[in-house]
mmCIF file of all heavy atoms, coordinates in Angstrom:
data_MODEL
# 
_entry.id   MODEL 
# 
loop_
_atom_site.group_PDB 
_atom_site.id 
_atom_site.type_symbol 
_atom_site.label_atom_id 
_atom_site.label_alt_id 
_atom_site.label_comp_id 
_atom_site.label_asym_id 
_atom_site.label_entity_id 
_atom_site.label_seq_id 
_atom_site.pdbx_PDB_ins_code 
_atom_site.Cartn_x 
_atom_site.Cartn_y 
_atom_site.Cartn_z 
_atom_site.occupancy 
_atom_site.B_iso_or_equiv 
_atom_site.pdbx_formal_charge 
_atom_site.auth_seq_id 
_atom_site.auth_comp_id 
_atom_site.auth_asym_id 
_atom_site.auth_atom_id 
_atom_site.pdbx_PDB_model_num 
ATOM 1   N N   . LYS A 1 1  ? 138.900 27.975 -52.206 1.00 0.00 ? 1  LYS A N   1 
ATOM 2   C CA  . LYS A 1 1  ? 140.296 28.154 -51.799 1.00 0.00 ? 1  LYS A CA  1 
ATOM 3   C C   . LYS A 1 1  ? 141.200 27.954 -53.016 1.00 0.00 ? 1  LYS A C   1 
ATOM 4   O O   . LYS A 1 1  ? 141.023 27.021 -53.781 1.00 0.00 ? 1  LYS A O   1 
ATOM 5   C CB  . LYS A 1 1  ? 140.637 27.173 -50.685 1.00 0.00 ? 1  LYS A CB  1 
ATOM 6   C CG  . LYS A 1 1  ? 139.844 27.390 -49.415 1.00 0.00 ? 1  LYS A CG  1 
ATOM 7   C CD  . LYS A 1 1  ? 140.271 26.435 -48.330 1.00 0.00 ? 1  LYS A CD  1 
ATOM 8   C CE  . LYS A 1 1  ? 139.438 26.618 -47.073 1.00 0.00 ? 1  LYS A CE  1 
ATOM 9   N NZ  . LYS A 1 1  ? 139.652 27.953 -46.467 1.00 0.00 ? 1  LYS A NZ  1 
ATOM 10  N N   . ARG A 1 2  ? 142.189 28.839 -53.160 1.00 0.00 ? 2  ARG A N   1 
ATOM 11  C CA  . ARG A 1 2  ? 143.050 28.833 -54.331 1.00 0.00 ? 2  ARG A CA  1 
ATOM 12  C C   . ARG A 1 2  ? 144.502 28.794 -53.914 1.00 0.00 ? 2  ARG A C   1 
ATOM 13  O O   . ARG A 1 2  ? 144.911 29.421 -52.952 1.00 0.00 ? 2  ARG A O   1 
ATOM 14  C CB  . ARG A 1 2  ? 142.765 30.050 -55.207 1.00 0.00 ? 2  ARG A CB  1 
ATOM 15  C CG  . ARG A 1 2  ? 141.315 30.141 -55.652 1.00 0.00 ? 2  ARG A CG  1 
ATOM 16  C CD  . ARG A 1 2  ? 140.943 31.493 -56.208 1.00 0.00 ? 2  ARG A CD  1 
ATOM 17  N NE  . ARG A 1 2  ? 141.576 31.756 -57.484 1.00 0.00 ? 2  ARG A NE  1 
ATOM 18  C CZ  . ARG A 1 2  ? 142.390 32.780 -57.715 1.00 0.00 ? 2  ARG A CZ  1 
ATOM 19  N NH1 . ARG A 1 2  ? 142.686 33.641 -56.760 1.00 0.00 ? 2  ARG A NH1 1 
ATOM 20  N NH2 . ARG A 1 2  ? 142.908 32.953 -58.908 1.00 0.00 ? 2  ARG A NH2 1 
ATOM 21  N N   . ALA A 1 3  ? 145.303 28.041 -54.671 1.00 0.00 ? 3  ALA A N   1 
ATOM 22  C CA  . ALA A 1 3  ? 146.733 27.917 -54.425 1.00 0.00 ? 3  ALA A CA  1 
ATOM 23  C C   . ALA A 1 3  ? 147.398 27.391 -55.661 1.00 0.00 ? 3  ALA A C   1 
ATOM 24  O O   . ALA A 1 3  ? 146.738 26.940 -56.597 1.00 0.00 ? 3  ALA A O   1 
ATOM 25  C CB  . ALA A 1 3  ? 146.994 26.989 -53.227 1.00 0.00 ? 3  ALA A CB  1 
ATOM 26  N N   . TYR A 1 4  ? 148.726 27.418 -55.706 1.00 0.00 ? 4  TYR A N   1 
ATOM 27  C CA  . TYR A 1 4  ? 149.449 26.697 -56.756 1.00 0.00 ? 4  TYR A CA  1 
ATOM 28  C C   . TYR A 1 4  ? 149.182 25.214 -56.559 1.00 0.00 ? 4  TYR A C   1 
ATOM 29  O O   . TYR A 1 4  ? 149.059 24.737 -55.432 1.00 0.00 ? 4  TYR A O   1 
ATOM 30  C CB  . TYR A 1 4  ? 150.943 27.006 -56.672 1.00 0.00 ? 4  TYR A CB  1 
ATOM 31  C CG  . TYR A 1 4  ? 151.295 28.415 -57.031 1.00 0.00 ? 4  TYR A CG  1 
ATOM 32  C CD1 . TYR A 1 4  ? 151.368 29.384 -56.026 1.00 0.00 ? 4  TYR A CD1 1 
ATOM 33  C CD2 . TYR A 1 4  ? 151.568 28.792 -58.337 1.00 0.00 ? 4  TYR A CD2 1 
ATOM 34  C CE1 . TYR A 1 4  ? 151.694 30.704 -56.340 1.00 0.00 ? 4  TYR A CE1 1 
ATOM 35  C CE2 . TYR A 1 4  ? 151.882 30.094 -58.672 1.00 0.00 ? 4  TYR A CE2 1 
ATOM 36  C CZ  . TYR A 1 4  ? 151.942 31.057 -57.651 1.00 0.00 ? 4  TYR A CZ  1 
ATOM 37  O OH  . TYR A 1 4  ? 152.258 32.360 -57.963 1.00 0.00 ? 4  TYR A OH  1 
ATOM 38  N N   . GLN A 1 5  ? 149.104 24.479 -57.659 1.00 0.00 ? 5  GLN A N   1 
ATOM 39  C CA  . GLN A 1 5  ? 148.735 23.062 -57.571 1.00 0.00 ? 5  GLN A CA  1 
ATOM 40  C C   . GLN A 1 5  ? 149.667 22.196 -58.409 1.00 0.00 ? 5  GLN A C   1 
ATOM 41  O O   . GLN A 1 5  ? 150.166 22.618 -59.457 1.00 0.00 ? 5  GLN A O   1 
ATOM 42  C CB  . GLN A 1 5  ? 147.295 22.846 -58.060 1.00 0.00 ? 5  GLN A CB  1 
ATOM 43  C CG  . GLN A 1 5  ? 146.244 23.740 -57.434 1.00 0.00 ? 5  GLN A CG  1 
ATOM 44  C CD  . GLN A 1 5  ? 145.950 23.408 -55.980 1.00 0.00 ? 5  GLN A CD  1 
ATOM 45  O OE1 . GLN A 1 5  ? 146.473 22.442 -55.436 1.00 0.00 ? 5  GLN A OE1 1 
ATOM 46  N NE2 . GLN A 1 5  ? 145.119 24.211 -55.348 1.00 0.00 ? 5  GLN A NE2 1 
ATOM 47  N N   . THR A 1 6  ? 149.879 20.951 -57.921 1.00 0.00 ? 6  THR A N   1 
ATOM 48  C CA  . THR A 1 6  ? 150.547 19.909 -58.688 1.00 0.00 ? 6  THR A CA  1 
ATOM 49  C C   . THR A 1 6  ? 149.577 18.755 -58.864 1.00 0.00 ? 6  THR A C   1 
ATOM 50  O O   . THR A 1 6  ? 149.052 18.251 -57.862 1.00 0.00 ? 6  THR A O   1 
ATOM 51  C CB  . THR A 1 6  ? 151.825 19.410 -58.002 1.00 0.00 ? 6  THR A CB  1 
ATOM 52  O OG1 . THR A 1 6  ? 152.732 20.490 -57.826 1.00 0.00 ? 6  THR A OG1 1 
ATOM 53  C CG2 . THR A 1 6  ? 152.502 18.324 -58.849 1.00 0.00 ? 6  THR A CG2 1 
ATOM 54  N N   . ILE A 1 7  ? 149.340 18.338 -60.092 1.00 0.00 ? 7  ILE A N   1 
ATOM 55  C CA  . ILE A 1 7  ? 148.357 17.306 -60.401 1.00 0.00 ? 7  ILE A CA  1 
ATOM 56  C C   . ILE A 1 7  ? 149.068 16.160 -61.122 1.00 0.00 ? 7  ILE A C   1 
ATOM 57  O O   . ILE A 1 7  ? 149.911 16.379 -62.006 1.00 0.00 ? 7  ILE A O   1 
ATOM 58  C CB  . ILE A 1 7  ? 147.221 17.850 -61.301 1.00 0.00 ? 7  ILE A CB  1 
ATOM 59  C CG1 . ILE A 1 7  ? 146.605 19.114 -60.682 1.00 0.00 ? 7  ILE A CG1 1 
ATOM 60  C CG2 . ILE A 1 7  ? 146.170 16.770 -61.565 1.00 0.00 ? 7  ILE A CG2 1 
ATOM 61  C CD1 . ILE A 1 7  ? 145.955 18.905 -59.345 1.00 0.00 ? 7  ILE A CD1 1 
ATOM 62  N N   . ILE A 1 8  ? 148.734 14.910 -60.773 1.00 0.00 ? 8  ILE A N   1 
ATOM 63  C CA  . ILE A 1 8  ? 149.182 13.740 -61.515 1.00 0.00 ? 8  ILE A CA  1 
ATOM 64  C C   . ILE A 1 8  ? 147.962 13.073 -62.139 1.00 0.00 ? 8  ILE A C   1 
ATOM 65  O O   . ILE A 1 8  ? 146.963 12.816 -61.456 1.00 0.00 ? 8  ILE A O   1 
ATOM 66  C CB  . ILE A 1 8  ? 149.888 12.720 -60.600 1.00 0.00 ? 8  ILE A CB  1 
ATOM 67  C CG1 . ILE A 1 8  ? 151.125 13.322 -59.963 1.00 0.00 ? 8  ILE A CG1 1 
ATOM 68  C CG2 . ILE A 1 8  ? 150.281 11.479 -61.404 1.00 0.00 ? 8  ILE A CG2 1 
ATOM 69  C CD1 . ILE A 1 8  ? 151.861 12.366 -59.069 1.00 0.00 ? 8  ILE A CD1 1 
ATOM 70  N N   . ALA A 1 9  ? 148.013 12.836 -63.433 1.00 0.00 ? 9  ALA A N   1 
ATOM 71  C CA  . ALA A 1 9  ? 146.889 12.206 -64.132 1.00 0.00 ? 9  ALA A CA  1 
ATOM 72  C C   . ALA A 1 9  ? 147.363 10.988 -64.895 1.00 0.00 ? 9  ALA A C   1 
ATOM 73  O O   . ALA A 1 9  ? 148.520 10.923 -65.353 1.00 0.00 ? 9  ALA A O   1 
ATOM 74  C CB  . ALA A 1 9  ? 146.232 13.209 -65.090 1.00 0.00 ? 9  ALA A CB  1 
ATOM 75  N N   . GLU A 1 10 ? 146.482 10.018 -65.039 1.00 0.00 ? 10 GLU A N   1 
ATOM 76  C CA  . GLU A 1 10 ? 146.728 8.829  -65.853 1.00 0.00 ? 10 GLU A CA  1 
ATOM 77  C C   . GLU A 1 10 ? 145.865 8.913  -67.092 1.00 0.00 ? 10 GLU A C   1 
ATOM 78  O O   . GLU A 1 10 ? 144.662 9.203  -66.990 1.00 0.00 ? 10 GLU A O   1 
ATOM 79  C CB  . GLU A 1 10 ? 146.387 7.568  -65.061 1.00 0.00 ? 10 GLU A CB  1 
ATOM 80  C CG  . GLU A 1 10 ? 146.548 6.277  -65.859 1.00 0.00 ? 10 GLU A CG  1 
ATOM 81  C CD  . GLU A 1 10 ? 146.021 5.064  -65.113 1.00 0.00 ? 10 GLU A CD  1 
ATOM 82  O OE1 . GLU A 1 10 ? 145.681 5.205  -63.920 1.00 0.00 ? 10 GLU A OE1 1 
ATOM 83  O OE2 . GLU A 1 10 ? 145.936 3.984  -65.726 1.00 0.00 ? 10 GLU A OE2 1 
ATOM 84  N N   . THR A 1 11 ? 146.422 8.697  -68.263 1.00 0.00 ? 11 THR A N   1 
ATOM 85  C CA  . THR A 1 11 ? 145.636 8.795  -69.497 1.00 0.00 ? 11 THR A CA  1 
ATOM 86  C C   . THR A 1 11 ? 145.087 7.434  -69.892 1.00 0.00 ? 11 THR A C   1 
ATOM 87  O O   . THR A 1 11 ? 145.475 6.391  -69.359 1.00 0.00 ? 11 THR A O   1 
ATOM 88  C CB  . THR A 1 11 ? 146.473 9.356  -70.649 1.00 0.00 ? 11 THR A CB  1 
ATOM 89  O OG1 . THR A 1 11 ? 147.390 8.335  -71.097 1.00 0.00 ? 11 THR A OG1 1 
ATOM 90  C CG2 . THR A 1 11 ? 147.253 10.591 -70.224 1.00 0.00 ? 11 THR A CG2 1 
ATOM 91  N N   . ASP A 1 12 ? 144.186 7.469  -70.861 1.00 0.00 ? 12 ASP A N   1 
ATOM 92  C CA  . ASP A 1 12 ? 143.583 6.223  -71.337 1.00 0.00 ? 12 ASP A CA  1 
ATOM 93  C C   . ASP A 1 12 ? 144.598 5.330  -72.046 1.00 0.00 ? 12 ASP A C   1 
ATOM 94  O O   . ASP A 1 12 ? 144.369 4.137  -72.213 1.00 0.00 ? 12 ASP A O   1 
ATOM 95  C CB  . ASP A 1 12 ? 142.401 6.525  -72.259 1.00 0.00 ? 12 ASP A CB  1 
ATOM 96  C CG  . ASP A 1 12 ? 142.761 7.487  -73.392 1.00 0.00 ? 12 ASP A CG  1 
ATOM 97  O OD1 . ASP A 1 12 ? 143.952 7.869  -73.505 1.00 0.00 ? 12 ASP A OD1 1 
ATOM 98  O OD2 . ASP A 1 12 ? 141.857 7.835  -74.175 1.00 0.00 ? 12 ASP A OD2 1 
ATOM 99  N N   . LYS A 1 13 ? 145.760 5.890  -72.437 1.00 0.00 ? 13 LYS A N   1 
ATOM 100 C CA  . LYS A 1 13 ? 146.797 5.089  -73.070 1.00 0.00 ? 13 LYS A CA  1 
ATOM 101 C C   . LYS A 1 13 ? 147.918 4.694  -72.103 1.00 0.00 ? 13 LYS A C   1 
ATOM 102 O O   . LYS A 1 13 ? 148.957 4.179  -72.513 1.00 0.00 ? 13 LYS A O   1 
ATOM 103 C CB  . LYS A 1 13 ? 147.388 5.856  -74.263 1.00 0.00 ? 13 LYS A CB  1 
ATOM 104 C CG  . LYS A 1 13 ? 146.388 6.074  -75.394 1.00 0.00 ? 13 LYS A CG  1 
ATOM 105 C CD  . LYS A 1 13 ? 147.047 6.783  -76.576 1.00 0.00 ? 13 LYS A CD  1 
ATOM 106 C CE  . LYS A 1 13 ? 146.054 6.961  -77.725 1.00 0.00 ? 13 LYS A CE  1 
ATOM 107 N NZ  . LYS A 1 13 ? 146.675 7.664  -78.891 1.00 0.00 ? 13 LYS A NZ  1 
ATOM 108 N N   . GLY A 1 14 ? 147.713 4.983  -70.818 1.00 0.00 ? 14 GLY A N   1 
ATOM 109 C CA  . GLY A 1 14 ? 148.681 4.576  -69.816 1.00 0.00 ? 14 GLY A CA  1 
ATOM 110 C C   . GLY A 1 14 ? 149.815 5.550  -69.610 1.00 0.00 ? 14 GLY A C   1 
ATOM 111 O O   . GLY A 1 14 ? 150.766 5.226  -68.895 1.00 0.00 ? 14 GLY A O   1 
ATOM 112 N N   . ARG A 1 15 ? 149.767 6.730  -70.195 1.00 0.00 ? 15 ARG A N   1 
ATOM 113 C CA  . ARG A 1 15 ? 150.802 7.738  -69.932 1.00 0.00 ? 15 ARG A CA  1 
ATOM 114 C C   . ARG A 1 15 ? 150.474 8.450  -68.611 1.00 0.00 ? 15 ARG A C   1 
ATOM 115 O O   . ARG A 1 15 ? 149.339 8.491  -68.162 1.00 0.00 ? 15 ARG A O   1 
ATOM 116 C CB  . ARG A 1 15 ? 150.841 8.760  -71.068 1.00 0.00 ? 15 ARG A CB  1 
ATOM 117 C CG  . ARG A 1 15 ? 151.099 8.158  -72.435 1.00 0.00 ? 15 ARG A CG  1 
ATOM 118 C CD  . ARG A 1 15 ? 152.480 7.560  -72.544 1.00 0.00 ? 15 ARG A CD  1 
ATOM 119 N NE  . ARG A 1 15 ? 152.720 6.868  -73.783 1.00 0.00 ? 15 ARG A NE  1 
ATOM 120 C CZ  . ARG A 1 15 ? 153.182 7.449  -74.892 1.00 0.00 ? 15 ARG A CZ  1 
ATOM 121 N NH1 . ARG A 1 15 ? 153.442 8.760  -74.896 1.00 0.00 ? 15 ARG A NH1 1 
ATOM 122 N NH2 . ARG A 1 15 ? 153.404 6.742  -75.985 1.00 0.00 ? 15 ARG A NH2 1 
ATOM 123 N N   . ILE A 1 16 ? 151.507 9.007  -67.991 1.00 0.00 ? 16 ILE A N   1 
ATOM 124 C CA  . ILE A 1 16 ? 151.350 9.778  -66.776 1.00 0.00 ? 16 ILE A CA  1 
ATOM 125 C C   . ILE A 1 16 ? 151.596 11.253 -67.124 1.00 0.00 ? 16 ILE A C   1 
ATOM 126 O O   . ILE A 1 16 ? 152.617 11.609 -67.721 1.00 0.00 ? 16 ILE A O   1 
ATOM 127 C CB  . ILE A 1 16 ? 152.342 9.335  -65.695 1.00 0.00 ? 16 ILE A CB  1 
ATOM 128 C CG1 . ILE A 1 16 ? 152.075 7.867  -65.308 1.00 0.00 ? 16 ILE A CG1 1 
ATOM 129 C CG2 . ILE A 1 16 ? 152.227 10.233 -64.470 1.00 0.00 ? 16 ILE A CG2 1 
ATOM 130 C CD1 . ILE A 1 16 ? 150.715 7.590  -64.740 1.00 0.00 ? 16 ILE A CD1 1 
ATOM 131 N N   . LEU A 1 17 ? 150.656 12.101 -66.749 1.00 0.00 ? 17 LEU A N   1 
ATOM 132 C CA  . LEU A 1 17 ? 150.764 13.544 -66.965 1.00 0.00 ? 17 LEU A CA  1 
ATOM 133 C C   . LEU A 1 17 ? 150.988 14.239 -65.639 1.00 0.00 ? 17 LEU A C   1 
ATOM 134 O O   . LEU A 1 17 ? 150.316 13.943 -64.650 1.00 0.00 ? 17 LEU A O   1 
ATOM 135 C CB  . LEU A 1 17 ? 149.473 14.101 -67.613 1.00 0.00 ? 17 LEU A CB  1 
ATOM 136 C CG  . LEU A 1 17 ? 149.000 13.433 -68.908 1.00 0.00 ? 17 LEU A CG  1 
ATOM 137 C CD1 . LEU A 1 17 ? 147.762 14.156 -69.431 1.00 0.00 ? 17 LEU A CD1 1 
ATOM 138 C CD2 . LEU A 1 17 ? 150.093 13.397 -69.946 1.00 0.00 ? 17 LEU A CD2 1 
ATOM 139 N N   . ILE A 1 18 ? 151.920 15.171 -65.622 1.00 0.00 ? 18 ILE A N   1 
ATOM 140 C CA  . ILE A 1 18 ? 152.191 15.987 -64.448 1.00 0.00 ? 18 ILE A CA  1 
ATOM 141 C C   . ILE A 1 18 ? 151.883 17.441 -64.816 1.00 0.00 ? 18 ILE A C   1 
ATOM 142 O O   . ILE A 1 18 ? 152.421 17.953 -65.798 1.00 0.00 ? 18 ILE A O   1 
ATOM 143 C CB  . ILE A 1 18 ? 153.655 15.847 -63.998 1.00 0.00 ? 18 ILE A CB  1 
ATOM 144 C CG1 . ILE A 1 18 ? 154.002 14.378 -63.757 1.00 0.00 ? 18 ILE A CG1 1 
ATOM 145 C CG2 . ILE A 1 18 ? 153.915 16.683 -62.748 1.00 0.00 ? 18 ILE A CG2 1 
ATOM 146 C CD1 . ILE A 1 18 ? 155.481 14.107 -63.806 1.00 0.00 ? 18 ILE A CD1 1 
ATOM 147 N N   . PHE A 1 19 ? 151.013 18.070 -64.035 1.00 0.00 ? 19 PHE A N   1 
ATOM 148 C CA  . PHE A 1 19 ? 150.661 19.460 -64.270 1.00 0.00 ? 19 PHE A CA  1 
ATOM 149 C C   . PHE A 1 19 ? 151.095 20.299 -63.073 1.00 0.00 ? 19 PHE A C   1 
ATOM 150 O O   . PHE A 1 19 ? 150.883 19.932 -61.921 1.00 0.00 ? 19 PHE A O   1 
ATOM 151 C CB  . PHE A 1 19 ? 149.154 19.629 -64.448 1.00 0.00 ? 19 PHE A CB  1 
ATOM 152 C CG  . PHE A 1 19 ? 148.579 18.956 -65.665 1.00 0.00 ? 19 PHE A CG  1 
ATOM 153 C CD1 . PHE A 1 19 ? 147.922 17.749 -65.546 1.00 0.00 ? 19 PHE A CD1 1 
ATOM 154 C CD2 . PHE A 1 19 ? 148.712 19.527 -66.922 1.00 0.00 ? 19 PHE A CD2 1 
ATOM 155 C CE1 . PHE A 1 19 ? 147.387 17.116 -66.676 1.00 0.00 ? 19 PHE A CE1 1 
ATOM 156 C CE2 . PHE A 1 19 ? 148.187 18.905 -68.047 1.00 0.00 ? 19 PHE A CE2 1 
ATOM 157 C CZ  . PHE A 1 19 ? 147.512 17.702 -67.914 1.00 0.00 ? 19 PHE A CZ  1 
ATOM 158 N N   . LYS A 1 20 ? 151.680 21.433 -63.373 1.00 0.00 ? 20 LYS A N   1 
ATOM 159 C CA  . LYS A 1 20 ? 152.071 22.412 -62.342 1.00 0.00 ? 20 LYS A CA  1 
ATOM 160 C C   . LYS A 1 20 ? 151.521 23.771 -62.746 1.00 0.00 ? 20 LYS A C   1 
ATOM 161 O O   . LYS A 1 20 ? 151.869 24.315 -63.786 1.00 0.00 ? 20 LYS A O   1 
ATOM 162 C CB  . LYS A 1 20 ? 153.591 22.469 -62.233 1.00 0.00 ? 20 LYS A CB  1 
ATOM 163 C CG  . LYS A 1 20 ? 154.164 23.732 -61.589 1.00 0.00 ? 20 LYS A CG  1 
ATOM 164 C CD  . LYS A 1 20 ? 153.872 23.826 -60.124 1.00 0.00 ? 20 LYS A CD  1 
ATOM 165 C CE  . LYS A 1 20 ? 154.629 24.999 -59.504 1.00 0.00 ? 20 LYS A CE  1 
ATOM 166 N NZ  . LYS A 1 20 ? 154.150 26.332 -59.989 1.00 0.00 ? 20 LYS A NZ  1 
ATOM 167 N N   . SER A 1 21 ? 150.588 24.312 -61.941 1.00 0.00 ? 21 SER A N   1 
ATOM 168 C CA  . SER A 1 21 ? 149.963 25.580 -62.302 1.00 0.00 ? 21 SER A CA  1 
ATOM 169 C C   . SER A 1 21 ? 150.944 26.723 -62.162 1.00 0.00 ? 21 SER A C   1 
ATOM 170 O O   . SER A 1 21 ? 151.797 26.748 -61.275 1.00 0.00 ? 21 SER A O   1 
ATOM 171 C CB  . SER A 1 21 ? 148.727 25.831 -61.417 1.00 0.00 ? 21 SER A CB  1 
ATOM 172 O OG  . SER A 1 21 ? 149.124 26.064 -60.078 1.00 0.00 ? 21 SER A OG  1 
ATOM 173 N N   . ARG A 1 22 ? 150.825 27.709 -63.054 1.00 0.00 ? 22 ARG A N   1 
ATOM 174 C CA  . ARG A 1 22 ? 151.703 28.864 -63.026 1.00 0.00 ? 22 ARG A CA  1 
ATOM 175 C C   . ARG A 1 22 ? 151.092 30.022 -62.247 1.00 0.00 ? 22 ARG A C   1 
ATOM 176 O O   . ARG A 1 22 ? 151.681 31.107 -62.138 1.00 0.00 ? 22 ARG A O   1 
ATOM 177 C CB  . ARG A 1 22 ? 152.031 29.297 -64.463 1.00 0.00 ? 22 ARG A CB  1 
ATOM 178 C CG  . ARG A 1 22 ? 152.807 28.257 -65.253 1.00 0.00 ? 22 ARG A CG  1 
ATOM 179 C CD  . ARG A 1 22 ? 153.224 28.800 -66.597 1.00 0.00 ? 22 ARG A CD  1 
ATOM 180 N NE  . ARG A 1 22 ? 154.047 29.984 -66.456 1.00 0.00 ? 22 ARG A NE  1 
ATOM 181 C CZ  . ARG A 1 22 ? 154.017 31.001 -67.305 1.00 0.00 ? 22 ARG A CZ  1 
ATOM 182 N NH1 . ARG A 1 22 ? 153.209 30.989 -68.348 1.00 0.00 ? 22 ARG A NH1 1 
ATOM 183 N NH2 . ARG A 1 22 ? 154.788 32.045 -67.106 1.00 0.00 ? 22 ARG A NH2 1 
ATOM 184 N N   . ASP A 1 23 ? 149.926 29.799 -61.691 1.00 0.00 ? 23 ASP A N   1 
ATOM 185 C CA  . ASP A 1 23 ? 149.263 30.792 -60.842 1.00 0.00 ? 23 ASP A CA  1 
ATOM 186 C C   . ASP A 1 23 ? 148.321 30.036 -59.925 1.00 0.00 ? 23 ASP A C   1 
ATOM 187 O O   . ASP A 1 23 ? 148.139 28.824 -60.075 1.00 0.00 ? 23 ASP A O   1 
ATOM 188 C CB  . ASP A 1 23 ? 148.517 31.823 -61.692 1.00 0.00 ? 23 ASP A CB  1 
ATOM 189 C CG  . ASP A 1 23 ? 148.353 33.168 -60.993 1.00 0.00 ? 23 ASP A CG  1 
ATOM 190 O OD1 . ASP A 1 23 ? 148.463 33.178 -59.747 1.00 0.00 ? 23 ASP A OD1 1 
ATOM 191 O OD2 . ASP A 1 23 ? 148.097 34.179 -61.652 1.00 0.00 ? 23 ASP A OD2 1 
ATOM 192 N N   . VAL A 1 24 ? 147.715 30.737 -58.995 1.00 0.00 ? 24 VAL A N   1 
ATOM 193 C CA  . VAL A 1 24 ? 146.835 30.078 -58.048 1.00 0.00 ? 24 VAL A CA  1 
ATOM 194 C C   . VAL A 1 24 ? 145.524 29.683 -58.726 1.00 0.00 ? 24 VAL A C   1 
ATOM 195 O O   . VAL A 1 24 ? 145.039 30.379 -59.627 1.00 0.00 ? 24 VAL A O   1 
ATOM 196 C CB  . VAL A 1 24 ? 146.568 30.958 -56.809 1.00 0.00 ? 24 VAL A CB  1 
ATOM 197 C CG1 . VAL A 1 24 ? 147.856 31.201 -56.063 1.00 0.00 ? 24 VAL A CG1 1 
ATOM 198 C CG2 . VAL A 1 24 ? 145.919 32.274 -57.221 1.00 0.00 ? 24 VAL A CG2 1 
ATOM 199 N N   . MET A 1 25 ? 144.942 28.603 -58.248 1.00 0.00 ? 25 MET A N   1 
ATOM 200 C CA  . MET A 1 25 ? 143.648 28.148 -58.740 1.00 0.00 ? 25 MET A CA  1 
ATOM 201 C C   . MET A 1 25 ? 143.070 27.173 -57.710 1.00 0.00 ? 25 MET A C   1 
ATOM 202 O O   . MET A 1 25 ? 143.792 26.722 -56.804 1.00 0.00 ? 25 MET A O   1 
ATOM 203 C CB  . MET A 1 25 ? 143.761 27.442 -60.096 1.00 0.00 ? 25 MET A CB  1 
ATOM 204 C CG  . MET A 1 25 ? 144.586 26.188 -60.067 1.00 0.00 ? 25 MET A CG  1 
ATOM 205 S SD  . MET A 1 25 ? 144.722 25.397 -61.682 1.00 0.00 ? 25 MET A SD  1 
ATOM 206 C CE  . MET A 1 25 ? 145.738 23.964 -61.275 1.00 0.00 ? 25 MET A CE  1 
ATOM 207 N N   . SER A 1 26 ? 141.809 26.843 -57.848 1.00 0.00 ? 26 SER A N   1 
ATOM 208 C CA  . SER A 1 26 ? 141.204 25.873 -56.925 1.00 0.00 ? 26 SER A CA  1 
ATOM 209 C C   . SER A 1 26 ? 141.310 24.469 -57.501 1.00 0.00 ? 26 SER A C   1 
ATOM 210 O O   . SER A 1 26 ? 141.339 24.292 -58.730 1.00 0.00 ? 26 SER A O   1 
ATOM 211 C CB  . SER A 1 26 ? 139.722 26.232 -56.661 1.00 0.00 ? 26 SER A CB  1 
ATOM 212 O OG  . SER A 1 26 ? 138.917 25.857 -57.761 1.00 0.00 ? 26 SER A OG  1 
ATOM 213 N N   . LEU A 1 27 ? 141.327 23.491 -56.628 1.00 0.00 ? 27 LEU A N   1 
ATOM 214 C CA  . LEU A 1 27 ? 141.359 22.112 -57.101 1.00 0.00 ? 27 LEU A CA  1 
ATOM 215 C C   . LEU A 1 27 ? 140.075 21.761 -57.851 1.00 0.00 ? 27 LEU A C   1 
ATOM 216 O O   . LEU A 1 27 ? 140.125 21.018 -58.838 1.00 0.00 ? 27 LEU A O   1 
ATOM 217 C CB  . LEU A 1 27 ? 141.516 21.155 -55.902 1.00 0.00 ? 27 LEU A CB  1 
ATOM 218 C CG  . LEU A 1 27 ? 142.931 21.008 -55.333 1.00 0.00 ? 27 LEU A CG  1 
ATOM 219 C CD1 . LEU A 1 27 ? 142.929 20.093 -54.119 1.00 0.00 ? 27 LEU A CD1 1 
ATOM 220 C CD2 . LEU A 1 27 ? 143.892 20.497 -56.391 1.00 0.00 ? 27 LEU A CD2 1 
ATOM 221 N N   . TYR A 1 28 ? 138.970 22.288 -57.410 1.00 0.00 ? 28 TYR A N   1 
ATOM 222 C CA  . TYR A 1 28 ? 137.710 21.983 -58.108 1.00 0.00 ? 28 TYR A CA  1 
ATOM 223 C C   . TYR A 1 28 ? 137.764 22.497 -59.546 1.00 0.00 ? 28 TYR A C   1 
ATOM 224 O O   . TYR A 1 28 ? 137.330 21.814 -60.485 1.00 0.00 ? 28 TYR A O   1 
ATOM 225 C CB  . TYR A 1 28 ? 136.528 22.624 -57.387 1.00 0.00 ? 28 TYR A CB  1 
ATOM 226 C CG  . TYR A 1 28 ? 135.197 22.224 -57.981 1.00 0.00 ? 28 TYR A CG  1 
ATOM 227 C CD1 . TYR A 1 28 ? 134.552 21.073 -57.551 1.00 0.00 ? 28 TYR A CD1 1 
ATOM 228 C CD2 . TYR A 1 28 ? 134.598 22.993 -58.982 1.00 0.00 ? 28 TYR A CD2 1 
ATOM 229 C CE1 . TYR A 1 28 ? 133.325 20.697 -58.103 1.00 0.00 ? 28 TYR A CE1 1 
ATOM 230 C CE2 . TYR A 1 28 ? 133.385 22.622 -59.538 1.00 0.00 ? 28 TYR A CE2 1 
ATOM 231 C CZ  . TYR A 1 28 ? 132.764 21.475 -59.105 1.00 0.00 ? 28 TYR A CZ  1 
ATOM 232 O OH  . TYR A 1 28 ? 131.564 21.113 -59.666 1.00 0.00 ? 28 TYR A OH  1 
ATOM 233 N N   . ASP A 1 29 ? 138.313 23.702 -59.738 1.00 0.00 ? 29 ASP A N   1 
ATOM 234 C CA  . ASP A 1 29 ? 138.366 24.268 -61.095 1.00 0.00 ? 29 ASP A CA  1 
ATOM 235 C C   . ASP A 1 29 ? 139.267 23.434 -62.023 1.00 0.00 ? 29 ASP A C   1 
ATOM 236 O O   . ASP A 1 29 ? 138.906 23.211 -63.172 1.00 0.00 ? 29 ASP A O   1 
ATOM 237 C CB  . ASP A 1 29 ? 138.860 25.716 -61.046 1.00 0.00 ? 29 ASP A CB  1 
ATOM 238 C CG  . ASP A 1 29 ? 137.794 26.673 -60.511 1.00 0.00 ? 29 ASP A CG  1 
ATOM 239 O OD1 . ASP A 1 29 ? 136.607 26.342 -60.636 1.00 0.00 ? 29 ASP A OD1 1 
ATOM 240 O OD2 . ASP A 1 29 ? 138.171 27.741 -59.980 1.00 0.00 ? 29 ASP A OD2 1 
# 
C-alpha cells in the first residue's frame, strides 16, 4: 500500500527529523 507519508525520526545526537514525501510510497520502503 502506497500513500504520501509523514515520518518523525530521532537521531543519535538527539535531533528530530521530519520527513514529508513528495510522492506516494509505502511505509515499509
